Amino acid sequence: LLVLADVGNPHNLGAALRSAAFFGIDGVIVTGETTGKLPGVVYRVAEGGVESVVIVSVRSTHGLVERLSECGFTVCATSPAAEQD
């Protein structure tokens, strides 16, 4: 699974979905402004990636990482706003 939180630029979202499809990621969880109907530019930039992965929208990632870890997923994360490495 790939979790994308608050990706505001639809070009970036499309590129992430294209990469997810290429690398065999089965599902993408999106939050923030990315929830709801995806704009057409996301489909164009993703070049088939939108149709190749399951996309689930959630309101918040609060507790999501912990729950995924409890379900047996290995969690690896990055954030430009993280307070620690």
Protein backbone atom coordinates (compact mmCIF):
# COMPACT_ATOMS: atom_id res chain seq x y z
CA LEU A 1 0.00 0.00 0.00
CA LEU A 2 1.02 3.57 -0.61
CA VAL A 3 -0.38 6.34 1.60
CA LEU A 4 -0.39 9.85 0.14
CA ALA A 5 -1.37 12.58 2.59
CA ASP A 6 -2.43 16.01 1.36
CA VAL A 7 -0.95 15.86 -2.15
CA GLY A 8 -2.28 19.17 -3.42
CA ASN A 9 -0.83 19.18 -6.93
CA PRO A 10 -2.83 16.91 -9.27
CA HIS A 11 0.24 16.43 -11.50
CA ASN A 12 2.16 15.03 -8.52
CA LEU A 13 -0.75 12.76 -7.61
CA GLY A 14 -0.94 11.45 -11.17
CA ALA A 15 2.81 10.79 -11.22
CA ALA A 16 2.61 8.96 -7.89
CA LEU A 17 -0.25 6.79 -9.16
CA ARG A 18 1.67 6.02 -12.36
CA SER A 19 4.71 5.00 -10.30
CA ALA A 20 2.55 2.93 -7.94
CA ALA A 21 1.11 1.00 -10.86
CA PHE A 22 4.57 0.46 -12.39
CA PHE A 23 6.01 -0.88 -9.13
CA GLY A 24 3.08 -3.22 -8.54
CA ILE A 25 1.49 -1.44 -5.62
CA ASP A 26 -2.03 -2.81 -5.22
CA GLY A 27 -3.65 0.06 -3.35
CA VAL A 28 -3.23 3.76 -2.68
CA ILE A 29 -4.77 5.57 0.28
CA VAL A 30 -5.22 9.32 -0.28
CA THR A 31 -6.17 12.07 2.18
CA GLY A 32 -6.84 15.77 2.24
CA GLU A 33 -7.75 17.62 -0.94
CA THR A 34 -7.13 14.44 -2.93
CA THR A 35 -10.32 12.85 -1.61
CA GLY A 36 -13.39 12.75 -3.81
CA LYS A 37 -13.53 12.75 -7.59
CA LEU A 38 -10.10 12.98 -9.21
CA PRO A 39 -9.57 15.77 -11.75
CA GLY A 40 -8.92 14.79 -15.37
CA VAL A 41 -5.30 15.91 -15.20
CA VAL A 42 -4.61 13.13 -12.68
CA TYR A 43 -5.79 10.54 -15.21
CA ARG A 44 -3.72 12.08 -18.00
CA VAL A 45 -0.50 12.26 -15.99
CA ALA A 46 -1.03 8.79 -14.48
CA GLU A 47 -1.18 7.26 -17.99
CA GLY A 48 -3.28 4.26 -16.88
CA GLY A 49 -2.10 4.22 -13.26
CA VAL A 50 -5.49 5.28 -11.91
CA GLU A 51 -7.13 2.26 -13.50
CA SER A 52 -4.38 -0.11 -12.31
CA VAL A 53 -4.55 0.46 -8.54
CA VAL A 54 -7.32 0.53 -5.98
CA ILE A 55 -7.68 4.07 -4.62
CA VAL A 56 -9.26 4.63 -1.22
CA SER A 57 -9.99 8.10 0.16
CA VAL A 58 -9.86 8.77 3.90
CA ARG A 59 -10.41 11.99 5.78
CA SER A 60 -7.33 11.71 7.98
CA THR A 61 -4.25 9.57 8.49
CA HIS A 62 -4.72 9.86 12.27
CA GLY A 63 -4.23 6.33 13.58
CA LEU A 64 -3.85 4.90 10.07
CA VAL A 65 -0.14 4.11 10.29
CA GLU A 66 -0.60 2.43 13.66
CA ARG A 67 -3.51 0.35 12.33
CA LEU A 68 -1.57 -0.72 9.24
CA SER A 69 1.32 -1.76 11.47
CA GLU A 70 -1.05 -3.77 13.68
CA CYS A 71 -2.31 -5.53 10.52
CA GLY A 72 1.21 -6.69 9.69
CA PHE A 73 2.35 -4.03 7.25
CA THR A 74 5.90 -2.74 7.49
CA VAL A 75 5.67 1.03 7.58
CA CYS A 76 8.20 3.33 5.94
CA ALA A 77 7.42 7.03 5.89
CA THR A 78 8.82 10.36 4.80
CA SER A 79 7.68 13.89 5.45
CA PRO A 80 9.12 17.31 4.66
CA ALA A 81 7.62 18.58 7.92
CA ALA A 82 8.83 15.82 10.27
CA GLU A 83 10.31 16.95 13.54
CA GLN A 84 12.75 14.03 13.67
CA ASP A 85 14.60 11.78 11.22
